[in-house]
Protein backbone atom coordinates (compact mmCIF):
# COMPACT_ATOMS: atom_id res chain seq x y z
CA UNK A 1 0.01 -0.04 -0.16
CA UNK A 2 2.84 2.52 0.84
CA UNK A 3 4.36 1.68 -2.63
CA UNK A 4 1.26 2.40 -4.43
CA UNK A 5 0.77 5.40 -2.45
CA UNK A 6 4.21 6.73 -3.19
CA UNK A 7 3.70 5.89 -6.86
CA UNK A 8 0.39 7.85 -6.77
CA UNK A 9 2.26 10.92 -5.52
CA UNK A 10 5.53 10.68 -7.62
CA UNK A 11 4.04 9.76 -11.10
CA UNK A 12 1.86 12.91 -11.30
CA UNK A 13 4.97 14.95 -10.21
CA UNK A 14 7.26 13.33 -12.75
CA UNK A 15 4.75 13.98 -15.37
CA UNK A 16 4.29 17.78 -14.48
CA UNK A 17 8.18 18.06 -14.56
CA UNK A 18 8.36 16.44 -17.85
CA UNK A 19 5.76 18.75 -19.20
CA UNK A 20 6.58 22.08 -17.35
CA UNK A 21 8.65 24.46 -19.58
CA UNK A 22 9.50 27.95 -18.43
CA UNK A 23 7.87 30.21 -21.10
CA UNK A 24 8.03 34.10 -21.82
CA UNK A 25 5.39 36.06 -19.90
CA UNK A 26 3.75 37.08 -22.97
CA UNK A 27 3.14 33.71 -24.56
CA UNK A 28 -0.53 32.66 -24.67
CA UNK A 29 -2.08 29.62 -23.47
CA UNK A 30 1.03 28.48 -21.82
CA UNK A 31 -0.04 25.01 -20.49
CA UNK A 32 -1.49 24.07 -23.92
CA UNK A 33 1.76 25.20 -25.55
CA UNK A 34 3.71 23.06 -22.98
CA UNK A 35 1.48 20.17 -23.70
CA UNK A 36 2.17 20.33 -27.44
CA UNK A 37 5.82 20.79 -26.86
CA UNK A 38 5.95 17.71 -24.71
CA UNK A 39 4.22 15.74 -27.50
CA UNK A 40 6.71 16.70 -30.07
CA UNK A 41 9.38 16.00 -27.50
CA UNK A 42 8.12 12.54 -26.70
CA UNK A 43 8.31 11.66 -30.33
CA UNK A 44 11.95 12.42 -30.45
CA UNK A 45 12.57 10.40 -27.31
CA UNK A 46 11.33 7.18 -29.16
CA UNK A 47 14.35 7.50 -31.17
CA UNK A 48 17.69 5.49 -30.87
CA UNK A 49 19.78 8.31 -31.82
CA UNK A 50 19.67 11.06 -29.33
CA UNK A 51 21.64 14.37 -28.74
CA UNK A 52 24.24 14.68 -26.21
CA UNK A 53 23.04 18.24 -25.49
CA UNK A 54 20.88 18.30 -22.34
CA UNK A 55 17.87 20.48 -22.42
CA UNK A 56 18.38 23.31 -19.84
CA UNK A 57 20.55 21.01 -17.81
CA UNK A 58 17.88 18.40 -17.03
CA UNK A 59 20.18 15.47 -17.00
CA UNK A 60 17.39 13.16 -15.42
CA UNK A 61 15.40 13.63 -18.70
CA UNK A 62 18.37 12.97 -20.96
CA UNK A 63 19.16 9.63 -19.23
CA UNK A 64 15.57 8.47 -19.18
CA UNK A 65 15.62 9.42 -22.98
CA UNK A 66 18.45 7.45 -23.63
CA UNK A 67 17.17 4.48 -21.87
CA UNK A 68 13.69 4.57 -23.41
CA UNK A 69 15.14 5.12 -26.75
CA UNK A 70 17.37 1.93 -26.42
CA UNK A 71 14.50 -0.01 -25.33
CA UNK A 72 12.38 0.82 -28.41
CA UNK A 73 15.54 0.70 -30.69
CA UNK A 74 14.07 2.89 -33.40
CA UNK A 75 16.93 3.49 -35.80
CA UNK A 76 16.41 7.06 -37.25
CA UNK A 77 15.12 10.19 -35.85
CA UNK A 78 13.25 11.43 -38.77
CA UNK A 79 11.49 8.02 -39.37
CA UNK A 80 10.01 8.45 -35.82
CA UNK A 81 9.09 12.18 -36.19
CA UNK A 82 7.17 11.17 -39.69
CA UNK A 83 4.62 9.35 -37.24
CA UNK A 84 3.14 12.89 -36.67
CA UNK A 85 2.93 13.38 -40.48
CA UNK A 86 1.12 9.97 -41.02
CA UNK A 87 -1.16 10.70 -37.88
CA UNK A 88 -2.12 14.08 -39.64
CA UNK A 89 -2.82 12.60 -42.96
CA UNK A 90 -6.08 13.25 -44.50
CA UNK A 91 -7.55 11.90 -47.76
CA UNK A 92 -8.63 14.46 -50.56
CA UNK A 93 -12.13 15.16 -49.26
CA UNK A 94 -14.18 17.82 -50.93
CA UNK A 95 -16.73 19.93 -49.26
CA UNK A 96 -19.63 22.37 -50.09
CA UNK A 97 -17.14 24.94 -51.20
CA UNK A 98 -14.09 23.43 -52.48
CA UNK A 99 -13.06 20.49 -54.62
CA UNK A 100 -10.16 18.49 -53.47
CA UNK A 101 -8.07 16.23 -55.70
CA UNK A 102 -4.72 14.72 -55.85
CA UNK A 103 -2.78 14.79 -58.96
CA UNK A 104 0.74 15.12 -60.31
CA UNK A 105 2.52 17.92 -61.98
CA UNK A 106 5.67 17.12 -63.63
CA UNK A 107 6.07 13.76 -61.79
CA UNK A 108 5.49 15.77 -58.49
CA UNK A 109 2.50 14.98 -56.41
CA UNK A 110 0.15 17.99 -55.80
CA UNK A 111 -3.24 18.44 -54.05
CA UNK A 112 -5.33 20.81 -55.83
CA UNK A 113 -8.11 22.84 -54.22
CA UNK A 114 -10.63 24.43 -56.75
CA UNK A 115 -13.57 26.47 -55.77
CA UNK A 116 -16.91 25.21 -56.69
CA UNK A 117 -19.16 26.83 -58.92
CA UNK A 118 -18.32 29.23 -62.04
CA UNK A 119 -16.37 32.33 -61.57
CA UNK A 120 -17.42 35.69 -63.57
CA UNK A 121 -13.55 36.30 -63.65
CA UNK A 122 -10.40 34.21 -63.78
CA UNK A 123 -9.21 32.94 -60.55
CA UNK A 124 -6.25 33.69 -58.32
CA UNK A 125 -3.91 31.12 -57.73
CA UNK A 126 -1.49 30.12 -54.88
CA UNK A 127 1.68 27.81 -54.97
CA UNK A 128 1.83 26.51 -51.40
CA UNK A 129 4.81 24.68 -50.25
CA UNK A 130 4.61 22.80 -46.73
CA UNK A 131 7.36 22.88 -43.99
CA UNK A 132 9.10 20.38 -42.09
CA UNK A 133 12.69 20.97 -42.34
CA UNK A 134 12.86 19.28 -45.88
CA UNK A 135 12.44 16.09 -43.85
CA UNK A 136 9.03 16.11 -42.59
CA UNK A 137 5.55 16.96 -43.37
CA UNK A 138 3.13 16.80 -46.16
CA UNK A 139 0.51 18.65 -48.32
CA UNK A 140 -1.88 16.01 -46.95
CA UNK A 141 -1.60 16.87 -43.28
CA UNK A 142 -4.87 18.12 -41.74
CA UNK A 143 -3.53 21.47 -40.84
CA UNK A 144 -2.28 22.29 -44.39
CA UNK A 145 -5.39 20.68 -45.84
CA UNK A 146 -7.58 23.12 -43.76
CA UNK A 147 -5.37 26.13 -44.57
CA UNK A 148 -5.70 25.19 -48.43
CA UNK A 149 -9.31 24.62 -48.11
CA UNK A 150 -9.89 28.22 -46.30
CA UNK A 151 -7.79 29.80 -48.82
CA UNK A 152 -9.64 28.42 -51.77
CA UNK A 153 -12.89 29.27 -50.50
CA UNK A 154 -12.21 32.64 -48.92
CA UNK A 155 -9.88 33.86 -51.79
CA UNK A 156 -11.83 32.03 -54.55
CA UNK A 157 -8.51 30.84 -55.60
CA UNK A 158 -6.81 27.72 -56.77
CA UNK A 159 -4.63 26.32 -54.41
CA UNK A 160 -1.62 24.12 -55.78
CA UNK A 161 -0.34 22.44 -52.39
CA UNK A 162 3.05 20.93 -53.53
CA UNK A 163 4.78 17.68 -51.93
CA UNK A 164 8.42 16.95 -52.54
CA UNK A 165 10.71 13.99 -51.74
CA UNK A 166 12.12 14.30 -48.45
CA UNK A 167 15.59 13.87 -46.69
CA UNK A 168 17.35 11.89 -45.23
CA UNK A 169 16.44 9.62 -48.29
CA UNK A 170 16.87 12.54 -50.77
CA UNK A 171 19.18 15.50 -50.30
CA UNK A 172 19.54 19.03 -51.73
CA UNK A 173 18.73 20.02 -54.33
CA UNK A 174 16.05 17.49 -54.89
CA UNK A 175 13.56 19.07 -52.63
CA UNK A 176 13.96 22.41 -54.67
CA UNK A 177 13.87 20.80 -57.99
CA UNK A 178 10.52 18.97 -57.24
CA UNK A 179 9.13 22.19 -56.35
CA UNK A 180 10.61 24.12 -59.00
CA UNK A 181 9.47 21.50 -61.62
CA UNK A 182 5.85 21.52 -60.28
CA UNK A 183 5.64 25.29 -60.46
CA UNK A 184 6.98 25.50 -64.05
CA UNK A 185 4.44 23.03 -65.05
CA UNK A 186 1.50 25.04 -63.39
CA UNK A 187 2.64 28.33 -64.91
CA UNK A 188 2.46 26.92 -68.54
CA UNK A 189 -0.19 29.17 -70.28
CA UNK A 190 -2.42 25.97 -71.33
CA UNK A 191 -2.33 24.66 -67.69
CA UNK A 192 -3.38 28.00 -66.19
CA UNK A 193 -5.94 28.37 -68.75
CA UNK A 194 -7.22 24.75 -67.94
CA UNK A 195 -7.83 25.86 -64.20
CA UNK A 196 -9.23 29.41 -65.06
CA UNK A 197 -6.24 31.08 -63.48
CA UNK A 198 -5.33 34.67 -64.26
CA UNK A 199 -1.52 34.56 -65.04
CA UNK A 200 -1.17 37.99 -63.36
CA UNK A 201 -2.35 36.89 -59.97
CA UNK A 202 -0.27 33.96 -59.03
CA UNK A 203 1.39 33.85 -55.58
CA UNK A 204 4.21 31.58 -54.12
CA UNK A 205 3.73 30.93 -50.33
CA UNK A 206 5.36 28.46 -47.87
CA UNK A 207 6.10 28.10 -44.06
CA UNK A 208 9.52 27.19 -42.53
CA UNK A 209 11.35 25.04 -44.85
CA UNK A 210 8.48 25.67 -47.40
CA UNK A 211 9.19 29.45 -46.96
CA UNK A 212 12.87 28.65 -47.83
CA UNK A 213 11.70 26.73 -51.13
CA UNK A 214 9.23 29.59 -51.91
CA UNK A 215 11.89 32.25 -51.49
CA UNK A 216 14.47 30.33 -53.71
CA UNK A 217 11.54 29.50 -56.21
CA UNK A 218 10.67 33.21 -56.60
CA UNK A 219 14.32 34.09 -57.26
CA UNK A 220 14.79 31.43 -59.80
CA UNK A 221 11.62 31.97 -61.52
CA UNK A 222 12.53 35.66 -61.80
CA UNK A 223 15.71 34.98 -64.09
CA UNK A 224 14.45 31.84 -65.78
CA UNK A 225 13.89 32.71 -69.62
CA UNK A 226 11.44 29.80 -70.31
CA UNK A 227 9.07 31.20 -67.74
CA UNK A 228 6.70 33.83 -69.17
CA UNK A 229 4.54 34.26 -66.00
CA UNK A 230 5.60 36.53 -63.14
CA UNK A 231 4.64 35.87 -59.60
CA UNK A 232 2.48 38.66 -58.28
CA UNK A 233 3.21 37.92 -54.55
CA UNK A 234 5.52 35.73 -52.47
CA UNK A 235 4.49 34.93 -48.77
CA UNK A 236 7.22 33.66 -46.53
CA UNK A 237 6.16 32.34 -43.18
CA UNK A 238 8.71 32.16 -40.53
CA UNK A 239 11.19 31.21 -43.33
CA UNK A 240 14.50 29.45 -43.02
CA UNK A 241 16.78 31.45 -45.22
CA UNK A 242 20.52 30.56 -44.61
CA UNK A 243 22.93 28.07 -42.95
CA UNK A 244 25.98 30.01 -42.84
CA UNK A 245 25.55 31.56 -39.45
CA UNK A 246 23.89 29.42 -37.01
CA UNK A 247 24.72 31.58 -34.07
CA UNK A 248 22.53 34.62 -34.61
CA UNK A 249 20.71 36.39 -31.63
CA UNK A 250 17.44 34.39 -32.38
CA UNK A 251 19.47 31.08 -32.56
CA UNK A 252 21.02 32.00 -29.07
CA UNK A 253 17.94 33.33 -27.59
CA UNK A 254 15.52 30.59 -28.67
CA UNK A 255 17.67 27.72 -28.62
CA UNK A 256 15.05 25.89 -26.25
CA UNK A 257 11.88 27.26 -27.27
CA UNK A 258 8.84 24.89 -28.17
CA UNK A 259 8.53 22.94 -31.40
CA UNK A 260 12.03 23.89 -33.13
CA UNK A 261 14.84 23.95 -30.55
CA UNK A 262 18.29 24.81 -32.23
CA UNK A 263 19.44 21.17 -32.14
CA UNK A 264 16.63 20.16 -34.33
CA UNK A 265 16.86 23.21 -36.68
CA UNK A 266 20.66 22.38 -37.06
CA UNK A 267 19.61 18.76 -37.64
CA UNK A 268 17.38 19.56 -40.32
CA UNK A 269 20.11 21.64 -42.04
CA UNK A 270 22.49 18.79 -41.74
CA UNK A 271 19.99 16.13 -42.91
CA UNK A 272 19.09 18.28 -45.87
CA UNK A 273 22.71 18.01 -47.08
CA UNK A 274 23.92 14.64 -45.78
CA UNK A 275 23.53 11.91 -43.33
CA UNK A 276 27.15 12.60 -42.24
CA UNK A 277 26.94 13.03 -38.46
CA UNK A 278 30.09 15.05 -38.38
CA UNK A 279 28.28 18.13 -40.41
CA UNK A 280 25.99 18.21 -37.71
CA UNK A 281 28.52 18.56 -35.16
CA UNK A 282 30.40 21.24 -37.08
CA UNK A 283 26.98 23.19 -37.62
CA UNK A 284 26.20 23.09 -33.99
CA UNK A 285 29.61 24.62 -33.22
CA UNK A 286 29.04 26.94 -36.09
CA UNK A 287 32.28 25.87 -37.83
CA UNK A 288 31.14 24.58 -41.06
CA UNK A 289 31.88 27.45 -43.12
CA UNK A 290 35.73 28.31 -43.64
CA UNK A 291 37.12 31.79 -43.37
CA UNK A 292 37.94 31.95 -46.96
CA UNK A 293 34.42 32.42 -47.63
CA UNK A 294 34.13 35.32 -45.15
CA UNK A 295 32.96 37.61 -48.09
CA UNK A 296 29.74 35.60 -48.27
CA UNK A 297 28.72 36.73 -44.76
CA UNK A 298 27.97 40.26 -45.65
CA UNK A 299 24.72 38.99 -47.21
CA UNK A 300 24.02 37.34 -43.43
CA UNK A 301 25.46 39.81 -41.25
CA UNK A 302 22.91 40.36 -38.56
CA UNK A 303 24.93 43.14 -37.16
CA UNK A 304 24.08 45.28 -40.07
CA UNK A 305 20.62 43.76 -40.96
CA UNK A 306 18.76 43.65 -37.75
CA UNK A 307 17.03 46.20 -36.03
CA UNK A 308 18.65 47.61 -32.78
CA UNK A 309 16.31 46.04 -30.33
CA UNK A 310 17.14 42.59 -31.59
CA UNK A 311 20.91 43.03 -31.46
CA UNK A 312 20.93 43.82 -27.86
CA UNK A 313 24.05 42.85 -26.25
CA UNK A 314 25.14 40.28 -28.69
CA UNK A 315 28.35 40.48 -30.34
CA UNK A 316 29.03 39.54 -33.97
CA UNK A 317 31.84 37.43 -34.99
CA UNK A 318 33.22 36.65 -38.32
CA UNK A 319 33.81 33.04 -38.95
CA UNK A 320 37.31 31.72 -37.96
CA UNK A 321 37.57 28.29 -39.26
CA UNK A 322 40.09 26.93 -41.55
CA UNK A 323 38.37 23.64 -42.38
CA UNK A 324 37.06 23.74 -45.97
CA UNK A 325 36.12 20.00 -45.98
CA UNK A 326 32.51 20.20 -45.52
CA UNK A 327 32.15 22.98 -48.43
CA UNK A 328 33.97 20.87 -50.75
CA UNK A 329 31.97 17.74 -49.75
CA UNK A 330 28.69 19.62 -49.68
CA UNK A 331 28.46 22.46 -52.13
CA UNK A 332 24.91 23.21 -51.27
CA UNK A 333 26.11 24.93 -48.16
CA UNK A 334 27.07 27.73 -50.49
CA UNK A 335 24.18 27.42 -52.96
CA UNK A 336 21.58 30.27 -53.07
CA UNK A 337 18.85 27.61 -53.85
CA UNK A 338 19.45 26.47 -50.23
CA UNK A 339 20.11 29.78 -48.82
CA UNK A 340 18.05 32.49 -50.43
CA UNK A 341 19.85 35.14 -48.31
CA UNK A 342 23.10 34.34 -50.19
CA UNK A 343 21.61 35.99 -53.29
CA UNK A 344 23.45 39.19 -54.66
CA UNK A 345 21.50 42.40 -54.50
CA UNK A 346 21.11 42.65 -58.13
CA UNK A 347 19.15 39.18 -58.21
CA UNK A 348 16.65 40.53 -55.58
CA UNK A 349 15.79 43.55 -57.61
CA UNK A 350 12.65 42.87 -59.32
CA UNK A 351 11.08 40.13 -56.79
CA UNK A 352 7.31 40.56 -56.27
CA UNK A 353 5.61 42.06 -53.47
CA UNK A 354 6.45 40.23 -50.32
CA UNK A 355 4.65 39.35 -46.90
CA UNK A 356 6.92 38.10 -44.32
CA UNK A 357 5.77 36.71 -41.02
CA UNK A 358 8.27 36.11 -38.16
CA UNK A 359 7.83 34.94 -34.62
CA UNK A 360 9.80 36.47 -31.76
CA UNK A 361 10.24 33.04 -30.17
CA UNK A 362 11.70 31.24 -33.08
CA UNK A 363 15.67 30.56 -33.83
CA UNK A 364 14.60 31.45 -37.58
CA UNK A 365 13.41 35.05 -36.57
CA UNK A 366 16.45 36.82 -37.71
CA UNK A 367 16.54 34.99 -40.97
CA UNK A 368 13.19 36.56 -41.85
CA UNK A 369 14.25 39.98 -40.30
CA UNK A 370 17.54 39.89 -42.50
CA UNK A 371 15.85 39.08 -45.72
CA UNK A 372 13.35 41.88 -45.03
CA UNK A 373 16.26 44.35 -44.76
CA UNK A 374 17.84 43.12 -47.89
CA UNK A 375 14.79 43.21 -49.96
CA UNK A 376 13.94 46.59 -49.02
CA UNK A 377 17.50 47.55 -49.81
CA UNK A 378 16.99 46.05 -53.17
CA UNK A 379 13.86 48.24 -53.67
CA UNK A 380 11.24 45.40 -52.99
CA UNK A 381 8.12 46.33 -51.41
CA UNK A 382 7.81 44.28 -48.20
CA UNK A 383 5.25 44.01 -45.60
CA UNK A 384 6.49 42.34 -42.41
CA UNK A 385 4.55 41.11 -39.42
CA UNK A 386 6.60 39.91 -36.31
CA UNK A 387 4.13 38.32 -33.84
CA UNK A 388 5.92 39.06 -30.41
CA UNK A 389 4.09 36.27 -28.51
CA UNK A 390 4.38 33.35 -30.92
CA UNK A 391 7.05 30.68 -31.59
CA UNK A 392 7.80 28.52 -34.63
CA UNK A 393 5.19 26.53 -36.42
CA UNK A 394 2.38 28.48 -35.04
CA UNK A 395 0.47 28.45 -38.08
CA UNK A 396 -0.14 24.62 -37.95
CA UNK A 397 -1.74 25.01 -34.56
CA UNK A 398 -5.27 25.16 -36.39
CA UNK A 399 -6.77 21.75 -35.86
CA UNK A 400 -7.50 19.43 -32.65
CA UNK A 401 -5.86 18.62 -30.49
CA UNK A 402 -3.09 21.32 -31.29
CA UNK A 403 -5.45 24.42 -31.38
CA UNK A 404 -4.11 27.91 -30.25
CA UNK A 405 -6.34 30.93 -30.63
CA UNK A 406 -3.50 33.03 -31.90
CA UNK A 407 -3.16 30.74 -34.91
CA UNK A 408 -6.57 31.54 -36.01
CA UNK A 409 -5.69 35.30 -35.84
CA UNK A 410 -2.43 34.83 -37.69
CA UNK A 411 -4.53 32.83 -40.60
CA UNK A 412 -7.13 35.48 -40.84
CA UNK A 413 -4.51 38.31 -41.08
CA UNK A 414 -2.71 36.04 -43.73
CA UNK A 415 -5.77 35.50 -45.66
CA UNK A 416 -6.92 39.28 -45.36
CA UNK A 417 -3.68 40.33 -46.70
CA UNK A 418 -3.68 37.88 -49.63
CA UNK A 419 -7.21 39.07 -50.45
CA UNK A 420 -6.34 42.59 -50.52
CA UNK A 421 -3.24 42.22 -52.42
CA UNK A 422 -3.39 39.31 -54.81
């Protein structure tokens, strides 16, 4: 009886210890955020491969994680994390307002959302690219499916929600090539005509890694002589835009924030390029780019591109690394298609009206801020919204059990802006 009583007391305490995370004072619905974050962390704990970096010194949790992982013996982190993608899968189900179908554009799977009923004018269109660190996610996930249905209905727009092959099975530039090929297919005159789309009212949009691909897509389309249709708008939702400097103020300040801690973002980057674990270690130490490429850092120099309130007391340091092994083995590290922030100024001129969403408690926050600065310096009209109480992935918190009221507000603002400007 005493043992049962002790367990009755200890188990809730251990559970509360596991779930509880100190969060910023202005973050909304904190306990729900903690539960969401605990769910994501629990998936990671099923993996055999664990990081040696303790979360805020919680050694007990790290030890339990390793033991639990060895018991299950799951081999690859991303295989386990994909369980959430599978759990969120939804079939192409049409409703009273939108016809939903799965099809293929240039051998790339896409999910199409077409408003029901006839339109007196040609429709708008959005090329949407899902996030997931190039390793996870799908256009068929419930949050993306809901967002696309809302977009199609409220904007009377054709939505092309694109899939792409994922790392670690496929590495850069496969993901970009898939998205680019699907986009070029859709932008053909006869295809736009088939779906009654106005060629002057097409947008590219994406979140996180999808924002990365959308930014790279817009840059490449702008200078592709084979493409005759210009994007009217690009929307970049907390985009990841560079892998040169993984020690920006936002990477430092938000290293342990919900959903996307620094270790996970660095892992996404390294898996995008290779399964070589040594690259992850070098990127975690910010020692993957040799100093001979220091001239490229002017494009990602946060000390000149961030507003003063985000720099705070952080000190900028140029790279001081002589090892060029990784750049030679993985040239994608310096490829503008992987890091759109590396684009030269003249390559940015002419990009379409841009809407950027960033979140204060996101390791990628500064990527978005830096791109906003660079685009504006290049003469691009940019509208930037930074949500000072939000964290990475917030847009996907729109379906049960992961529902947050701030997600609804962000989606509402996103759709309103598109309705006004597209």
